N, C-alpha and C. Protein backbone atom coordinates (compact mmCIF):
# COMPACT_ATOMS: atom_id res chain seq x y z
N UNK A 1 0.82 -1.19 0.00
CA UNK A 1 0.00 0.00 0.00
C UNK A 1 0.87 1.26 0.00
N UNK A 2 1.92 1.21 0.80
CA UNK A 2 2.81 2.37 0.84
C UNK A 2 3.50 2.56 -0.52
N UNK A 3 3.80 1.46 -1.19
CA UNK A 3 4.41 1.54 -2.51
C UNK A 3 3.51 2.24 -3.52
N UNK A 4 2.20 1.95 -3.44
CA UNK A 4 1.25 2.61 -4.34
C UNK A 4 1.16 4.10 -4.04
N UNK A 5 1.18 4.45 -2.76
CA UNK A 5 1.12 5.86 -2.39
C UNK A 5 2.35 6.60 -2.92
N UNK A 6 3.51 5.98 -2.79
CA UNK A 6 4.73 6.59 -3.31
C UNK A 6 4.70 6.71 -4.83
N UNK A 7 4.16 5.71 -5.50
CA UNK A 7 4.06 5.74 -6.96
C UNK A 7 3.17 6.90 -7.41
N UNK A 8 2.01 7.07 -6.76
CA UNK A 8 1.13 8.17 -7.14
C UNK A 8 1.74 9.52 -6.79
N UNK A 9 2.53 9.58 -5.72
CA UNK A 9 3.21 10.83 -5.38
C UNK A 9 4.23 11.20 -6.46
N UNK A 10 4.95 10.21 -6.96
CA UNK A 10 5.92 10.45 -8.03
C UNK A 10 5.20 10.87 -9.31
N UNK A 11 4.09 10.21 -9.62
CA UNK A 11 3.30 10.59 -10.80
C UNK A 11 2.82 12.04 -10.67
N UNK A 12 2.38 12.42 -9.47
CA UNK A 12 1.93 13.79 -9.25
C UNK A 12 3.06 14.79 -9.45
N UNK A 13 4.25 14.47 -8.96
CA UNK A 13 5.40 15.36 -9.13
C UNK A 13 5.78 15.52 -10.60
N UNK A 14 5.80 14.42 -11.32
CA UNK A 14 6.17 14.47 -12.74
C UNK A 14 5.10 15.22 -13.54
N UNK A 15 3.83 14.93 -13.25
CA UNK A 15 2.74 15.61 -13.97
C UNK A 15 2.75 17.10 -13.67
N UNK A 16 3.04 17.46 -12.44
CA UNK A 16 3.12 18.88 -12.09
C UNK A 16 4.27 19.57 -12.79
N UNK A 17 5.40 18.88 -12.89
CA UNK A 17 6.56 19.47 -13.56
C UNK A 17 6.31 19.65 -15.06
N UNK A 18 5.51 18.77 -15.65
CA UNK A 18 5.24 18.85 -17.08
C UNK A 18 4.05 19.76 -17.41
N UNK A 19 3.37 20.26 -16.39
CA UNK A 19 2.28 21.19 -16.63
C UNK A 19 0.90 20.57 -16.65
N UNK A 20 0.78 19.30 -16.33
CA UNK A 20 -0.54 18.65 -16.28
C UNK A 20 -1.09 18.79 -14.87
N UNK A 21 -1.59 19.99 -14.54
CA UNK A 21 -1.95 20.30 -13.17
C UNK A 21 -3.18 19.52 -12.70
N UNK A 22 -4.13 19.26 -13.59
CA UNK A 22 -5.32 18.49 -13.19
C UNK A 22 -4.92 17.06 -12.83
N UNK A 23 -4.09 16.45 -13.65
CA UNK A 23 -3.62 15.09 -13.39
C UNK A 23 -2.76 15.06 -12.13
N UNK A 24 -1.96 16.08 -11.92
CA UNK A 24 -1.12 16.14 -10.72
C UNK A 24 -1.98 16.22 -9.47
N UNK A 25 -3.05 16.99 -9.52
CA UNK A 25 -3.94 17.11 -8.37
C UNK A 25 -4.64 15.81 -8.04
N UNK A 26 -5.10 15.11 -9.08
CA UNK A 26 -5.77 13.82 -8.87
C UNK A 26 -4.79 12.81 -8.30
N UNK A 27 -3.60 12.74 -8.87
CA UNK A 27 -2.61 11.78 -8.40
C UNK A 27 -2.18 12.09 -6.96
N UNK A 28 -2.05 13.35 -6.63
CA UNK A 28 -1.70 13.73 -5.26
C UNK A 28 -2.81 13.36 -4.28
N UNK A 29 -4.05 13.54 -4.69
CA UNK A 29 -5.17 13.17 -3.83
C UNK A 29 -5.20 11.66 -3.59
N UNK A 30 -4.99 10.89 -4.63
CA UNK A 30 -4.95 9.43 -4.49
C UNK A 30 -3.81 9.02 -3.58
N UNK A 31 -2.65 9.63 -3.76
CA UNK A 31 -1.49 9.30 -2.92
C UNK A 31 -1.79 9.62 -1.45
N UNK A 32 -2.44 10.74 -1.20
CA UNK A 32 -2.77 11.12 0.18
C UNK A 32 -3.73 10.12 0.81
N UNK A 33 -4.75 9.72 0.06
CA UNK A 33 -5.74 8.77 0.57
C UNK A 33 -5.08 7.42 0.86
N UNK A 34 -4.26 6.94 -0.07
CA UNK A 34 -3.59 5.66 0.14
C UNK A 34 -2.64 5.70 1.32
N UNK A 35 -1.96 6.82 1.53
CA UNK A 35 -1.05 6.95 2.65
C UNK A 35 -1.81 6.93 3.98
N UNK A 36 -2.96 7.58 4.03
CA UNK A 36 -3.77 7.57 5.25
C UNK A 36 -4.28 6.16 5.54
N UNK A 37 -4.73 5.46 4.51
CA UNK A 37 -5.18 4.07 4.68
C UNK A 37 -4.03 3.21 5.18
N UNK A 38 -2.84 3.40 4.64
CA UNK A 38 -1.67 2.66 5.09
C UNK A 38 -1.40 2.91 6.56
N UNK A 39 -1.45 4.17 6.99
CA UNK A 39 -1.19 4.49 8.39
C UNK A 39 -2.23 3.87 9.32
N UNK A 40 -3.49 3.91 8.92
CA UNK A 40 -4.56 3.32 9.74
C UNK A 40 -4.34 1.81 9.87
N UNK A 41 -4.04 1.15 8.77
CA UNK A 41 -3.81 -0.29 8.82
C UNK A 41 -2.57 -0.63 9.64
N UNK A 42 -1.54 0.19 9.58
CA UNK A 42 -0.34 -0.02 10.38
C UNK A 42 -0.65 0.08 11.87
N UNK A 43 -1.41 1.08 12.27
CA UNK A 43 -1.77 1.25 13.68
C UNK A 43 -2.65 0.09 14.16
N UNK A 44 -3.61 -0.32 13.34
CA UNK A 44 -4.46 -1.46 13.70
C UNK A 44 -3.62 -2.72 13.85
N UNK A 45 -2.67 -2.91 12.96
CA UNK A 45 -1.79 -4.08 13.04
C UNK A 45 -0.97 -4.06 14.33
N UNK A 46 -0.42 -2.90 14.69
CA UNK A 46 0.34 -2.79 15.93
C UNK A 46 -0.54 -3.08 17.14
N UNK A 47 -1.75 -2.54 17.15
CA UNK A 47 -2.66 -2.77 18.27
C UNK A 47 -3.05 -4.24 18.40
N UNK A 48 -3.31 -4.89 17.29
CA UNK A 48 -3.67 -6.31 17.33
C UNK A 48 -2.52 -7.16 17.87
N UNK A 49 -1.31 -6.85 17.45
CA UNK A 49 -0.14 -7.60 17.96
C UNK A 49 0.06 -7.35 19.45
N UNK A 50 -0.14 -6.12 19.88
CA UNK A 50 0.05 -5.77 21.30
C UNK A 50 -1.00 -6.47 22.16
N UNK A 51 -2.23 -6.54 21.67
CA UNK A 51 -3.30 -7.20 22.42
C UNK A 51 -3.09 -8.70 22.51
N UNK A 52 -2.45 -9.28 21.51
CA UNK A 52 -2.17 -10.72 21.53
C UNK A 52 -0.93 -11.05 22.36
N UNK A 53 -0.23 -10.05 22.79
CA UNK A 53 0.95 -10.28 23.62
C UNK A 53 2.24 -10.41 22.83
N UNK A 54 2.19 -10.14 21.56
CA UNK A 54 3.39 -10.23 20.72
C UNK A 54 4.18 -8.94 20.73
N UNK A 55 5.34 -9.00 20.14
CA UNK A 55 6.17 -7.82 20.03
C UNK A 55 5.71 -6.98 18.85
N UNK A 56 5.66 -5.66 19.05
CA UNK A 56 5.22 -4.79 17.95
C UNK A 56 6.40 -4.28 17.16
N UNK A 57 7.60 -4.61 17.57
CA UNK A 57 8.79 -4.15 16.86
C UNK A 57 9.34 -5.25 16.01
C-alpha cells in the first residue's frame, strides 16, 4: 500500500513538472488517501499484535 502511495506521489510530481496540473492534483489526492489508509492499517496491526501479547517491533 505504501508503494502505491509513493508511486502516485511520483506521478503527481512528474505531472506537475510537465504542466498537467489536473492530473497532478488527482494523483496527489490518491497518494494522500492511500497513505492515510496505510497508516490506519499499520496502527491497527500494531494494536492487534500488542493485544495478543506479541512484540510490535
